[in-house]
């Protein structure tokens, strides 16, 4: 005895229905944008990067989520401690649209729904240290991994769902009307499994590294003490990051940042520029990267050699780690970061 339950999904895309089968058939929910969610990595928000939490200056691009949060700064003076940096990022239009947002509406204005706002704060190490806060925004101008704008994938999922529904229709005709339960034959079960197999994990495993272009901007301010009093802006910045894939196993990110930074001595603003390249190797769930970056600021050049990785712990829950050497003409520093990130799935 079986209730009607079919799954047409990647590891995070779920077209899932559990019903007592009506005689007229099942409506396929392809018209709702929230049906087509994915669980790609949760990147640090632009506001987070302005607090120098992570060694890199690259704004990692990824498919938009309604809501995401990060905690970082677990290490202090070489010891594990309570996290000192917190951030939240959300997509206002996607949150307002909610579960009722139709796919055609999303497709007409993808840039609007991909716009994200972020805010972050860094807790001081001691009571005398200043508090930092930052705000930022970003938008994906290109995102070929976004299911909601991929007509071929939507058509494929819908066609397979229709075929599976037809199998249940035939089974219903064979056993008779409700309340008689639907009983599938072995051949019918094998047919359903064969139809589902091409989609199981396909999108996230093969498209996590699809072409994407993000642009972002942000501002950071610093208070005079740990309470954040007398906040003053210390940096204004803008980023662009382009990502492109290599097969299903690699991704290259090329990013740049321009900023105006307040000098702590003269109190004047000066220009700062960053360029970086990062290469990922792995799968959607587990991957590692190596990165090279350079910074130019008021005659002081800095080079960064960075590496790390990220892993999905649970659906919507990710951990990332990195360690890098930042070198100038007179010193070399070790920079590390460990972060836990949560991205909403199914709001």
C-alpha atoms as a PDB file:
ATOM      1  CA  UNK A   1       0.000   0.000   0.000  1.00  0.00           C
ATOM      2  CA  UNK A   2       1.395   3.337  -0.968  1.00  0.00           C
ATOM      3  CA  UNK A   3       0.382   6.923  -0.604  1.00  0.00           C
ATOM      4  CA  UNK A   4       1.216   9.136  -3.539  1.00  0.00           C
ATOM      5  CA  UNK A   5       4.616  10.620  -2.898  1.00  0.00           C
ATOM      6  CA  UNK A   6       7.013  11.591  -5.597  1.00  0.00           C
ATOM      7  CA  UNK A   7      10.249  13.467  -5.374  1.00  0.00           C
ATOM      8  CA  UNK A   8      11.713  15.400  -8.266  1.00  0.00           C
ATOM      9  CA  UNK A   9      14.632  17.221  -6.803  1.00  0.00           C
ATOM     10  CA  UNK A  10      18.268  17.918  -6.571  1.00  0.00           C
ATOM     11  CA  UNK A  11      19.818  17.733  -3.101  1.00  0.00           C
ATOM     12  CA  UNK A  12      18.044  21.002  -2.327  1.00  0.00           C
ATOM     13  CA  UNK A  13      15.388  21.460  -4.981  1.00  0.00           C
ATOM     14  CA  UNK A  14      12.253  19.683  -3.817  1.00  0.00           C
ATOM     15  CA  UNK A  15       9.152  19.163  -5.827  1.00  0.00           C
ATOM     16  CA  UNK A  16       7.435  17.074  -3.228  1.00  0.00           C
ATOM     17  CA  UNK A  17       3.771  16.225  -2.866  1.00  0.00           C
ATOM     18  CA  UNK A  18       2.010  13.868  -0.466  1.00  0.00           C
ATOM     19  CA  UNK A  19      -1.700  13.519  -1.105  1.00  0.00           C
ATOM     20  CA  UNK A  20      -4.572  11.113  -1.327  1.00  0.00           C
ATOM     21  CA  UNK A  21      -4.710  10.899  -5.080  1.00  0.00           C
ATOM     22  CA  UNK A  22      -7.715  12.723  -6.595  1.00  0.00           C
ATOM     23  CA  UNK A  23      -9.255  11.175  -9.676  1.00  0.00           C
ATOM     24  CA  UNK A  24      -8.592  14.236 -11.838  1.00  0.00           C
ATOM     25  CA  UNK A  25      -4.833  14.249 -11.211  1.00  0.00           C
ATOM     26  CA  UNK A  26      -2.276  16.302  -9.348  1.00  0.00           C
ATOM     27  CA  UNK A  27      -1.414  19.940 -10.026  1.00  0.00           C
ATOM     28  CA  UNK A  28       2.329  20.336 -10.583  1.00  0.00           C
ATOM     29  CA  UNK A  29       3.649  23.310  -8.545  1.00  0.00           C
ATOM     30  CA  UNK A  30       6.099  24.622 -11.128  1.00  0.00           C
ATOM     31  CA  UNK A  31       4.477  28.082 -11.150  1.00  0.00           C
ATOM     32  CA  UNK A  32       5.716  28.972  -7.641  1.00  0.00           C
ATOM     33  CA  UNK A  33       9.254  30.377  -7.371  1.00  0.00           C
ATOM     34  CA  UNK A  34       9.867  28.969  -3.876  1.00  0.00           C
ATOM     35  CA  UNK A  35       9.587  25.446  -5.290  1.00  0.00           C
ATOM     36  CA  UNK A  36      12.917  25.888  -7.029  1.00  0.00           C
ATOM     37  CA  UNK A  37      15.293  26.421  -4.121  1.00  0.00           C
ATOM     38  CA  UNK A  38      18.899  25.336  -4.042  1.00  0.00           C
ATOM     39  CA  UNK A  39      21.384  24.800  -1.232  1.00  0.00           C
ATOM     40  CA  UNK A  40      24.603  26.244  -2.562  1.00  0.00           C
ATOM     41  CA  UNK A  41      27.280  27.616  -0.213  1.00  0.00           C
ATOM     42  CA  UNK A  42      26.419  30.574   2.036  1.00  0.00           C
ATOM     43  CA  UNK A  43      29.045  33.254   1.322  1.00  0.00           C
ATOM     44  CA  UNK A  44      30.133  36.055   3.604  1.00  0.00           C
ATOM     45  CA  UNK A  45      28.055  39.197   3.128  1.00  0.00           C
ATOM     46  CA  UNK A  46      29.720  42.378   1.822  1.00  0.00           C
ATOM     47  CA  UNK A  47      29.222  43.992   5.240  1.00  0.00           C
ATOM     48  CA  UNK A  48      31.124  41.088   6.808  1.00  0.00           C
ATOM     49  CA  UNK A  49      34.148  41.535   4.553  1.00  0.00           C
ATOM     50  CA  UNK A  50      34.377  45.228   5.436  1.00  0.00           C
ATOM     51  CA  UNK A  51      35.144  44.246   9.025  1.00  0.00           C
ATOM     52  CA  UNK A  52      38.260  42.348   7.870  1.00  0.00           C
ATOM     53  CA  UNK A  53      36.873  39.147   9.338  1.00  0.00           C
ATOM     54  CA  UNK A  54      38.150  37.012   6.465  1.00  0.00           C
ATOM     55  CA  UNK A  55      41.578  37.355   4.828  1.00  0.00           C
ATOM     56  CA  UNK A  56      40.092  37.616   1.328  1.00  0.00           C
ATOM     57  CA  UNK A  57      38.551  40.666  -0.308  1.00  0.00           C
ATOM     58  CA  UNK A  58      36.509  38.628  -2.809  1.00  0.00           C
ATOM     59  CA  UNK A  59      32.737  38.904  -2.447  1.00  0.00           C
ATOM     60  CA  UNK A  60      31.851  35.266  -3.056  1.00  0.00           C
ATOM     61  CA  UNK A  61      28.907  35.063  -5.504  1.00  0.00           C
ATOM     62  CA  UNK A  62      26.111  32.528  -5.099  1.00  0.00           C
ATOM     63  CA  UNK A  63      22.404  32.045  -5.795  1.00  0.00           C
ATOM     64  CA  UNK A  64      20.194  34.360  -3.749  1.00  0.00           C
ATOM     65  CA  UNK A  65      18.489  33.196  -0.538  1.00  0.00           C
ATOM     66  CA  UNK A  66      15.699  34.954   1.301  1.00  0.00           C
ATOM     67  CA  UNK A  67      17.758  35.157   4.498  1.00  0.00           C
ATOM     68  CA  UNK A  68      21.265  34.161   5.604  1.00  0.00           C
ATOM     69  CA  UNK A  69      23.355  34.702   8.714  1.00  0.00           C
ATOM     70  CA  UNK A  70      27.000  34.203   9.708  1.00  0.00           C
ATOM     71  CA  UNK A  71      29.035  34.095  12.901  1.00  0.00           C
ATOM     72  CA  UNK A  72      32.809  34.280  12.799  1.00  0.00           C
ATOM     73  CA  UNK A  73      35.898  35.211  14.760  1.00  0.00           C
ATOM     74  CA  UNK A  74      36.104  32.032  16.854  1.00  0.00           C
ATOM     75  CA  UNK A  75      39.831  32.492  17.489  1.00  0.00           C
ATOM     76  CA  UNK A  76      41.386  35.135  19.708  1.00  0.00           C
ATOM     77  CA  UNK A  77      45.061  35.279  20.728  1.00  0.00           C
ATOM     78  CA  UNK A  78      45.576  31.785  19.390  1.00  0.00           C
ATOM     79  CA  UNK A  79      42.688  30.295  21.399  1.00  0.00           C
ATOM     80  CA  UNK A  80      39.129  29.349  20.556  1.00  0.00           C
ATOM     81  CA  UNK A  81      36.617  31.801  21.970  1.00  0.00           C
ATOM     82  CA  UNK A  82      33.074  33.030  21.559  1.00  0.00           C
ATOM     83  CA  UNK A  83      32.533  34.442  18.060  1.00  0.00           C
ATOM     84  CA  UNK A  84      33.241  38.142  17.773  1.00  0.00           C
ATOM     85  CA  UNK A  85      31.667  38.911  14.392  1.00  0.00           C
ATOM     86  CA  UNK A  86      28.034  38.579  13.369  1.00  0.00           C
ATOM     87  CA  UNK A  87      26.263  39.308  10.092  1.00  0.00           C
ATOM     88  CA  UNK A  88      22.872  38.970   8.451  1.00  0.00           C
ATOM     89  CA  UNK A  89      21.942  39.261   4.784  1.00  0.00           C
ATOM     90  CA  UNK A  90      18.448  39.258   3.303  1.00  0.00           C
ATOM     91  CA  UNK A  91      16.679  39.769  -0.017  1.00  0.00           C
ATOM     92  CA  UNK A  92      13.824  42.236   0.668  1.00  0.00           C
ATOM     93  CA  UNK A  93      11.790  41.603  -2.489  1.00  0.00           C
ATOM     94  CA  UNK A  94      12.117  37.828  -2.159  1.00  0.00           C
ATOM     95  CA  UNK A  95      11.016  37.953   1.485  1.00  0.00           C
ATOM     96  CA  UNK A  96       8.027  40.144   0.642  1.00  0.00           C
ATOM     97  CA  UNK A  97       7.017  37.837  -2.209  1.00  0.00           C
ATOM     98  CA  UNK A  98       7.225  34.827   0.115  1.00  0.00           C
ATOM     99  CA  UNK A  99       5.885  31.417  -0.823  1.00  0.00           C
ATOM    100  CA  UNK A 100       3.234  32.922  -3.105  1.00  0.00           C
ATOM    101  CA  UNK A 101       5.740  34.594  -5.456  1.00  0.00           C
ATOM    102  CA  UNK A 102       5.046  33.260  -8.933  1.00  0.00           C
ATOM    103  CA  UNK A 103       7.832  32.054 -11.150  1.00  0.00           C
ATOM    104  CA  UNK A 104       6.890  34.294 -14.082  1.00  0.00           C
ATOM    105  CA  UNK A 105       7.013  37.368 -11.835  1.00  0.00           C
ATOM    106  CA  UNK A 106      10.485  36.408 -10.580  1.00  0.00           C
ATOM    107  CA  UNK A 107      11.674  35.855 -14.149  1.00  0.00           C
ATOM    108  CA  UNK A 108      10.460  39.293 -15.262  1.00  0.00           C
ATOM    109  CA  UNK A 109      12.500  41.091 -12.571  1.00  0.00           C
ATOM    110  CA  UNK A 110      15.360  38.780 -11.476  1.00  0.00           C
ATOM    111  CA  UNK A 111      17.667  41.674 -10.580  1.00  0.00           C
ATOM    112  CA  UNK A 112      15.099  43.071  -8.147  1.00  0.00           C
ATOM    113  CA  UNK A 113      14.661  39.721  -6.379  1.00  0.00           C
ATOM    114  CA  UNK A 114      18.408  39.090  -6.295  1.00  0.00           C
ATOM    115  CA  UNK A 115      19.137  42.376  -4.519  1.00  0.00           C
ATOM    116  CA  UNK A 116      20.405  41.682  -0.999  1.00  0.00           C
ATOM    117  CA  UNK A 117      21.086  43.936   1.988  1.00  0.00           C
ATOM    118  CA  UNK A 118      23.513  43.070   4.760  1.00  0.00           C
ATOM    119  CA  UNK A 119      24.580  44.328   8.154  1.00  0.00           C
ATOM    120  CA  UNK A 120      27.439  43.183  10.362  1.00  0.00           C
ATOM    121  CA  UNK A 121      29.093  44.051  13.633  1.00  0.00           C
ATOM    122  CA  UNK A 122      32.343  43.078  15.269  1.00  0.00           C
ATOM    123  CA  UNK A 123      32.462  42.688  19.031  1.00  0.00           C
ATOM    124  CA  UNK A 124      35.581  44.243  20.589  1.00  0.00           C
ATOM    125  CA  UNK A 125      38.178  41.960  22.168  1.00  0.00           C
ATOM    126  CA  UNK A 126      38.134  44.015  25.367  1.00  0.00           C
ATOM    127  CA  UNK A 127      36.036  46.748  26.927  1.00  0.00           C
ATOM    128  CA  UNK A 128      38.352  49.480  25.692  1.00  0.00           C
ATOM    129  CA  UNK A 129      38.346  48.517  22.026  1.00  0.00           C
ATOM    130  CA  UNK A 130      36.103  50.309  19.520  1.00  0.00           C
ATOM    131  CA  UNK A 131      33.028  48.674  18.024  1.00  0.00           C
ATOM    132  CA  UNK A 132      32.718  48.350  14.264  1.00  0.00           C
ATOM    133  CA  UNK A 133      29.518  48.114  12.265  1.00  0.00           C
ATOM    134  CA  UNK A 134      29.042  47.777   8.520  1.00  0.00           C
ATOM    135  CA  UNK A 135      26.224  47.776   5.990  1.00  0.00           C
ATOM    136  CA  UNK A 136      26.261  46.570   2.403  1.00  0.00           C
ATOM    137  CA  UNK A 137      24.253  45.601  -0.597  1.00  0.00           C
ATOM    138  CA  UNK A 138      24.826  43.292  -3.539  1.00  0.00           C
ATOM    139  CA  UNK A 139      23.054  42.007  -6.597  1.00  0.00           C
ATOM    140  CA  UNK A 140      23.681  39.129  -8.988  1.00  0.00           C
ATOM    141  CA  UNK A 141      23.645  40.456 -12.545  1.00  0.00           C
ATOM    142  CA  UNK A 142      24.286  36.954 -13.900  1.00  0.00           C
ATOM    143  CA  UNK A 143      23.410  33.662 -12.187  1.00  0.00           C
ATOM    144  CA  UNK A 144      23.208  30.618 -14.440  1.00  0.00           C
ATOM    145  CA  UNK A 145      22.790  28.331 -11.411  1.00  0.00           C
ATOM    146  CA  UNK A 146      19.454  29.895 -10.459  1.00  0.00           C
ATOM    147  CA  UNK A 147      16.723  27.337 -11.125  1.00  0.00           C
ATOM    148  CA  UNK A 148      14.055  30.005 -11.179  1.00  0.00           C
ATOM    149  CA  UNK A 149      15.355  31.430 -14.448  1.00  0.00           C
ATOM    150  CA  UNK A 150      16.359  28.175 -16.178  1.00  0.00           C
ATOM    151  CA  UNK A 151      13.539  27.326 -18.581  1.00  0.00           C
ATOM    152  CA  UNK A 152      15.094  24.056 -19.758  1.00  0.00           C
ATOM    153  CA  UNK A 153      15.337  22.675 -16.240  1.00  0.00           C
ATOM    154  CA  UNK A 154      11.808  23.738 -15.354  1.00  0.00           C
ATOM    155  CA  UNK A 155      10.464  22.102 -18.520  1.00  0.00           C
ATOM    156  CA  UNK A 156      12.386  18.910 -17.769  1.00  0.00           C
ATOM    157  CA  UNK A 157      11.127  18.695 -14.192  1.00  0.00           C
ATOM    158  CA  UNK A 158       7.547  19.362 -15.283  1.00  0.00           C
ATOM    159  CA  UNK A 159       7.701  16.735 -18.032  1.00  0.00           C
ATOM    160  CA  UNK A 160       9.044  14.095 -15.647  1.00  0.00           C
ATOM    161  CA  UNK A 161       6.440  14.996 -13.027  1.00  0.00           C
ATOM    162  CA  UNK A 162       3.725  14.586 -15.668  1.00  0.00           C
ATOM    163  CA  UNK A 163       5.012  11.122 -16.611  1.00  0.00           C
ATOM    164  CA  UNK A 164       5.079  10.037 -12.958  1.00  0.00           C
ATOM    165  CA  UNK A 165       1.559  11.354 -12.489  1.00  0.00           C
ATOM    166  CA  UNK A 166       0.465   9.346 -15.516  1.00  0.00           C
ATOM    167  CA  UNK A 167       1.786   6.187 -13.860  1.00  0.00           C
ATOM    168  CA  UNK A 168      -0.291   6.907 -10.770  1.00  0.00           C
ATOM    169  CA  UNK A 169      -3.307   7.705 -12.955  1.00  0.00           C
ATOM    170  CA  UNK A 170      -3.022   4.307 -14.617  1.00  0.00           C
ATOM    171  CA  UNK A 171      -2.659   2.621 -11.229  1.00  0.00           C
ATOM    172  CA  UNK A 172      -5.762   4.419  -9.973  1.00  0.00           C
ATOM    173  CA  UNK A 173      -7.739   3.302 -13.011  1.00  0.00           C
ATOM    174  CA  UNK A 174      -6.616  -0.266 -12.381  1.00  0.00           C
ATOM    175  CA  UNK A 175      -7.497  -0.499  -8.667  1.00  0.00           C
ATOM    176  CA  UNK A 176     -10.614   1.662  -8.768  1.00  0.00           C
ATOM    177  CA  UNK A 177     -11.720   4.915  -7.102  1.00  0.00           C
ATOM    178  CA  UNK A 178     -10.913   5.947  -3.493  1.00  0.00           C
ATOM    179  CA  UNK A 179     -10.957   4.846  -0.735  1.00  0.00           C
ATOM    180  CA  UNK A 180      -9.134   1.949  -2.385  1.00  0.00           C
ATOM    181  CA  UNK A 181      -5.385   2.593  -1.978  1.00  0.00           C
ATOM    182  CA  UNK A 182      -3.096   2.868  -4.975  1.00  0.00           C
ATOM    183  CA  UNK A 183      -0.833  -0.151  -5.335  1.00  0.00           C
ATOM    184  CA  UNK A 184       2.068   0.075  -7.750  1.00  0.00           C
ATOM    185  CA  UNK A 185       3.498  -2.897  -9.574  1.00  0.00           C
ATOM    186  CA  UNK A 186       7.217  -3.599  -9.542  1.00  0.00           C
ATOM    187  CA  UNK A 187       7.438  -2.396 -13.130  1.00  0.00           C
ATOM    188  CA  UNK A 188       5.722   0.885 -12.215  1.00  0.00           C
ATOM    189  CA  UNK A 189       8.039   1.418  -9.244  1.00  0.00           C
ATOM    190  CA  UNK A 190      11.045   0.790 -11.477  1.00  0.00           C
ATOM    191  CA  UNK A 191       9.708   3.279 -14.029  1.00  0.00           C
ATOM    192  CA  UNK A 192       9.308   5.986 -11.373  1.00  0.00           C
ATOM    193  CA  UNK A 193      12.813   5.336 -10.043  1.00  0.00           C
ATOM    194  CA  UNK A 194      14.233   5.567 -13.567  1.00  0.00           C
ATOM    195  CA  UNK A 195      12.454   8.871 -14.164  1.00  0.00           C
ATOM    196  CA  UNK A 196      13.723  10.356 -10.894  1.00  0.00           C
ATOM    197  CA  UNK A 197      17.301   9.150 -11.274  1.00  0.00           C
ATOM    198  CA  UNK A 198      18.484  11.787 -13.806  1.00  0.00           C
ATOM    199  CA  UNK A 199      17.475  14.605 -11.443  1.00  0.00           C
ATOM    200  CA  UNK A 200      18.733  13.267  -8.116  1.00  0.00           C
ATOM    201  CA  UNK A 201      21.438  15.657  -7.025  1.00  0.00           C
ATOM    202  CA  UNK A 202      21.985  16.754 -10.628  1.00  0.00           C
ATOM    203  CA  UNK A 203      21.614  20.506 -10.334  1.00  0.00           C
ATOM    204  CA  UNK A 204      23.634  21.206  -7.221  1.00  0.00           C
ATOM    205  CA  UNK A 205      26.362  18.710  -8.089  1.00  0.00           C
ATOM    206  CA  UNK A 206      26.863  19.965 -11.639  1.00  0.00           C
ATOM    207  CA  UNK A 207      25.831  23.627 -11.442  1.00  0.00           C
ATOM    208  CA  UNK A 208      27.327  24.861  -8.168  1.00  0.00           C
ATOM    209  CA  UNK A 209      30.064  26.447 -10.268  1.00  0.00           C
ATOM    210  CA  UNK A 210      27.927  27.926 -13.051  1.00  0.00           C
ATOM    211  CA  UNK A 211      28.738  31.379 -14.413  1.00  0.00           C
ATOM    212  CA  UNK A 212      27.806  34.212 -12.054  1.00  0.00           C
ATOM    213  CA  UNK A 213      28.537  37.923 -11.734  1.00  0.00           C
ATOM    214  CA  UNK A 214      27.975  39.841  -8.485  1.00  0.00           C
ATOM    215  CA  UNK A 215      28.440  43.546  -7.822  1.00  0.00           C
ATOM    216  CA  UNK A 216      28.346  45.031  -4.326  1.00  0.00           C
ATOM    217  CA  UNK A 217      28.903  48.175  -2.281  1.00  0.00           C
ATOM    218  CA  UNK A 218      29.197  48.926   1.414  1.00  0.00           C
ATOM    219  CA  UNK A 219      30.284  51.207   4.233  1.00  0.00           C
ATOM    220  CA  UNK A 220      31.944  50.563   7.586  1.00  0.00           C
ATOM    221  CA  UNK A 221      31.905  52.810  10.644  1.00  0.00           C
ATOM    222  CA  UNK A 222      33.850  52.712  13.880  1.00  0.00           C
ATOM    223  CA  UNK A 223      32.788  53.906  17.320  1.00  0.00           C
ATOM    224  CA  UNK A 224      34.994  55.576  19.890  1.00  0.00           C
ATOM    225  CA  UNK A 225      34.483  52.812  22.459  1.00  0.00           C
ATOM    226  CA  UNK A 226      32.967  49.363  22.963  1.00  0.00           C
ATOM    227  CA  UNK A 227      29.470  50.895  23.170  1.00  0.00           C
ATOM    228  CA  UNK A 228      29.738  52.258  19.638  1.00  0.00           C
ATOM    229  CA  UNK A 229      29.397  55.923  20.583  1.00  0.00           C
ATOM    230  CA  UNK A 230      30.390  58.681  18.143  1.00  0.00           C
ATOM    231  CA  UNK A 231      30.331  56.465  15.093  1.00  0.00           C
ATOM    232  CA  UNK A 232      32.321  57.726  12.118  1.00  0.00           C
ATOM    233  CA  UNK A 233      32.638  56.232   8.654  1.00  0.00           C
ATOM    234  CA  UNK A 234      36.033  54.689   8.031  1.00  0.00           C
ATOM    235  CA  UNK A 235      35.623  53.039   4.628  1.00  0.00           C
ATOM    236  CA  UNK A 236      33.431  53.134   1.520  1.00  0.00           C
ATOM    237  CA  UNK A 237      33.882  50.279  -0.937  1.00  0.00           C
ATOM    238  CA  UNK A 238      32.596  48.657  -4.125  1.00  0.00           C
ATOM    239  CA  UNK A 239      33.257  45.159  -5.502  1.00  0.00           C
ATOM    240  CA  UNK A 240      32.742  43.060  -8.612  1.00  0.00           C
ATOM    241  CA  UNK A 241      33.267  39.290  -8.778  1.00  0.00           C
ATOM    242  CA  UNK A 242      32.995  37.017 -11.802  1.00  0.00           C
ATOM    243  CA  UNK A 243      32.815  33.254 -11.444  1.00  0.00           C
ATOM    244  CA  UNK A 244      33.061  30.597 -14.151  1.00  0.00           C
ATOM    245  CA  UNK A 245      33.104  26.816 -13.956  1.00  0.00           C
ATOM    246  CA  UNK A 246      35.390  24.030 -15.119  1.00  0.00           C
ATOM    247  CA  UNK A 247      33.435  20.839 -15.677  1.00  0.00           C
ATOM    248  CA  UNK A 248      31.558  19.866 -12.531  1.00  0.00           C
ATOM    249  CA  UNK A 249      34.656  19.942 -10.309  1.00  0.00           C
ATOM    250  CA  UNK A 250      36.164  23.442 -10.405  1.00  0.00           C
ATOM    251  CA  UNK A 251      35.373  27.140 -10.278  1.00  0.00           C
ATOM    252  CA  UNK A 252      37.482  30.230 -10.912  1.00  0.00           C
ATOM    253  CA  UNK A 253      36.599  33.506  -9.197  1.00  0.00           C
ATOM    254  CA  UNK A 254      38.120  36.817 -10.281  1.00  0.00           C
ATOM    255  CA  UNK A 255      37.342  39.777  -8.062  1.00  0.00           C
ATOM    256  CA  UNK A 256      38.219  43.400  -7.611  1.00  0.00           C
ATOM    257  CA  UNK A 257      37.530  46.045  -4.980  1.00  0.00           C
ATOM    258  CA  UNK A 258      37.974  49.811  -4.886  1.00  0.00           C
ATOM    259  CA  UNK A 259      37.650  51.729  -1.641  1.00  0.00           C
ATOM    260  CA  UNK A 260      38.128  55.040   0.076  1.00  0.00           C
ATOM    261  CA  UNK A 261      39.688  54.467   3.508  1.00  0.00           C
ATOM    262  CA  UNK A 262      40.137  56.943   6.370  1.00  0.00           C
ATOM    263  CA  UNK A 263      43.715  57.231   7.629  1.00  0.00           C
ATOM    264  CA  UNK A 264      43.847  56.684  11.395  1.00  0.00           C
ATOM    265  CA  UNK A 265      46.593  59.305  11.811  1.00  0.00           C
ATOM    266  CA  UNK A 266      45.750  62.117   9.399  1.00  0.00           C
ATOM    267  CA  UNK A 267      41.992  61.466   9.378  1.00  0.00           C
ATOM    268  CA  UNK A 268      42.009  61.924   5.606  1.00  0.00           C
ATOM    269  CA  UNK A 269      40.529  59.455   3.117  1.00  0.00           C
ATOM    270  CA  UNK A 270      42.797  57.687   0.656  1.00  0.00           C
ATOM    271  CA  UNK A 271      42.281  55.297  -2.233  1.00  0.00           C
ATOM    272  CA  UNK A 272      42.719  51.541  -1.892  1.00  0.00           C
ATOM    273  CA  UNK A 273      42.494  48.845  -4.545  1.00  0.00           C
ATOM    274  CA  UNK A 274      42.362  45.041  -4.387  1.00  0.00           C
ATOM    275  CA  UNK A 275      42.546  42.310  -7.001  1.00  0.00           C
ATOM    276  CA  UNK A 276      42.253  38.599  -6.274  1.00  0.00           C
ATOM    277  CA  UNK A 277      41.831  35.259  -7.975  1.00  0.00           C
ATOM    278  CA  UNK A 278      40.488  32.140  -6.265  1.00  0.00           C
ATOM    279  CA  UNK A 279      40.138  28.591  -7.566  1.00  0.00           C
ATOM    280  CA  UNK A 280      37.832  25.981  -6.033  1.00  0.00           C
ATOM    281  CA  UNK A 281      38.138  22.220  -6.462  1.00  0.00           C
ATOM    282  CA  UNK A 282      35.531  19.744  -5.231  1.00  0.00           C
ATOM    283  CA  UNK A 283      31.785  19.280  -5.199  1.00  0.00           C
ATOM    284  CA  UNK A 284      28.893  21.408  -4.065  1.00  0.00           C
ATOM    285  CA  UNK A 285      29.002  19.840  -0.611  1.00  0.00           C
ATOM    286  CA  UNK A 286      32.757  19.785  -0.032  1.00  0.00           C
ATOM    287  CA  UNK A 287      35.341  21.980  -1.703  1.00  0.00           C
ATOM    288  CA  UNK A 288      38.766  23.531  -1.167  1.00  0.00           C
ATOM    289  CA  UNK A 289      40.345  26.649  -2.623  1.00  0.00           C
ATOM    290  CA  UNK A 290      43.617  28.446  -3.177  1.00  0.00           C
ATOM    291  CA  UNK A 291      43.771  32.212  -3.628  1.00  0.00           C
ATOM    292  CA  UNK A 292      46.244  34.911  -4.575  1.00  0.00           C
ATOM    293  CA  UNK A 293      45.511  38.597  -3.973  1.00  0.00           C
ATOM    294  CA  UNK A 294      47.183  41.988  -4.025  1.00  0.00           C
ATOM    295  CA  UNK A 295      46.367  45.310  -2.330  1.00  0.00           C
ATOM    296  CA  UNK A 296      47.549  48.808  -3.216  1.00  0.00           C
ATOM    297  CA  UNK A 297      47.125  51.636  -0.695  1.00  0.00           C
ATOM    298  CA  UNK A 298      49.122  54.868  -0.284  1.00  0.00           C
ATOM    299  CA  UNK A 299      52.361  53.326  -1.464  1.00  0.00           C
ATOM    300  CA  UNK A 300      52.010  50.270   0.803  1.00  0.00           C
ATOM    301  CA  UNK A 301      51.523  47.143  -1.270  1.00  0.00           C
ATOM    302  CA  UNK A 302      50.335  43.890   0.259  1.00  0.00           C
ATOM    303  CA  UNK A 303      50.244  40.383  -1.144  1.00  0.00           C
ATOM    304  CA  UNK A 304      47.983  37.616   0.085  1.00  0.00           C
ATOM    305  CA  UNK A 305      48.375  33.873  -0.303  1.00  0.00           C
ATOM    306  CA  UNK A 306      45.258  32.242   1.080  1.00  0.00           C
ATOM    307  CA  UNK A 307      43.658  28.803   1.210  1.00  0.00           C
ATOM    308  CA  UNK A 308      40.742  27.029   2.846  1.00  0.00           C
ATOM    309  CA  UNK A 309      37.498  25.236   2.213  1.00  0.00           C
ATOM    310  CA  UNK A 310      33.838  24.884   3.023  1.00  0.00           C
ATOM    311  CA  UNK A 311      31.476  22.052   3.835  1.00  0.00           C
ATOM    312  CA  UNK A 312      27.740  21.588   4.211  1.00  0.00           C
ATOM    313  CA  UNK A 313      26.911  20.230   7.669  1.00  0.00           C
ATOM    314  CA  UNK A 314      23.128  20.152   7.313  1.00  0.00           C
ATOM    315  CA  UNK A 315      20.695  21.494   4.748  1.00  0.00           C
ATOM    316  CA  UNK A 316      21.135  25.242   4.897  1.00  0.00           C
ATOM    317  CA  UNK A 317      24.050  24.993   7.340  1.00  0.00           C
ATOM    318  CA  UNK A 318      27.643  25.490   6.212  1.00  0.00           C
ATOM    319  CA  UNK A 319      31.059  25.888   7.785  1.00  0.00           C
ATOM    320  CA  UNK A 320      34.027  27.616   6.138  1.00  0.00           C
ATOM    321  CA  UNK A 321      37.646  27.972   7.150  1.00  0.00           C
ATOM    322  CA  UNK A 322      40.649  29.768   5.715  1.00  0.00           C
ATOM    323  CA  UNK A 323      44.238  30.643   6.536  1.00  0.00           C
ATOM    324  CA  UNK A 324      46.481  33.044   4.679  1.00  0.00           C
ATOM    325  CA  UNK A 325      49.762  34.907   4.722  1.00  0.00           C
ATOM    326  CA  UNK A 326      49.566  38.667   4.170  1.00  0.00           C
ATOM    327  CA  UNK A 327      52.932  40.144   3.314  1.00  0.00           C
ATOM    328  CA  UNK A 328      54.157  43.741   2.994  1.00  0.00           C
ATOM    329  CA  UNK A 329      57.662  45.095   2.526  1.00  0.00           C
ATOM    330  CA  UNK A 330      58.400  44.955   6.248  1.00  0.00           C
ATOM    331  CA  UNK A 331      56.231  42.217   7.759  1.00  0.00           C
ATOM    332  CA  UNK A 332      54.251  39.034   7.165  1.00  0.00           C
ATOM    333  CA  UNK A 333      51.113  38.199   9.124  1.00  0.00           C
ATOM    334  CA  UNK A 334      49.122  34.996   9.499  1.00  0.00           C
ATOM    335  CA  UNK A 335      45.379  35.512   9.049  1.00  0.00           C
ATOM    336  CA  UNK A 336      42.842  32.825   9.861  1.00  0.00           C
ATOM    337  CA  UNK A 337      39.076  32.570   9.925  1.00  0.00           C
ATOM    338  CA  UNK A 338      36.447  30.032  10.945  1.00  0.00           C
ATOM    339  CA  UNK A 339      32.797  30.792  10.251  1.00  0.00           C
ATOM    340  CA  UNK A 340      29.438  29.068  10.608  1.00  0.00           C
ATOM    341  CA  UNK A 341      26.778  30.166   8.123  1.00  0.00           C
ATOM    342  CA  UNK A 342      23.050  29.480   7.947  1.00  0.00           C
ATOM    343  CA  UNK A 343      20.891  30.062   4.891  1.00  0.00           C
ATOM    344  CA  UNK A 344      17.107  29.906   4.966  1.00  0.00           C
ATOM    345  CA  UNK A 345      15.441  27.154   2.932  1.00  0.00           C
ATOM    346  CA  UNK A 346      11.695  27.053   2.849  1.00  0.00           C
ATOM    347  CA  UNK A 347      10.575  30.349   4.371  1.00  0.00           C
END
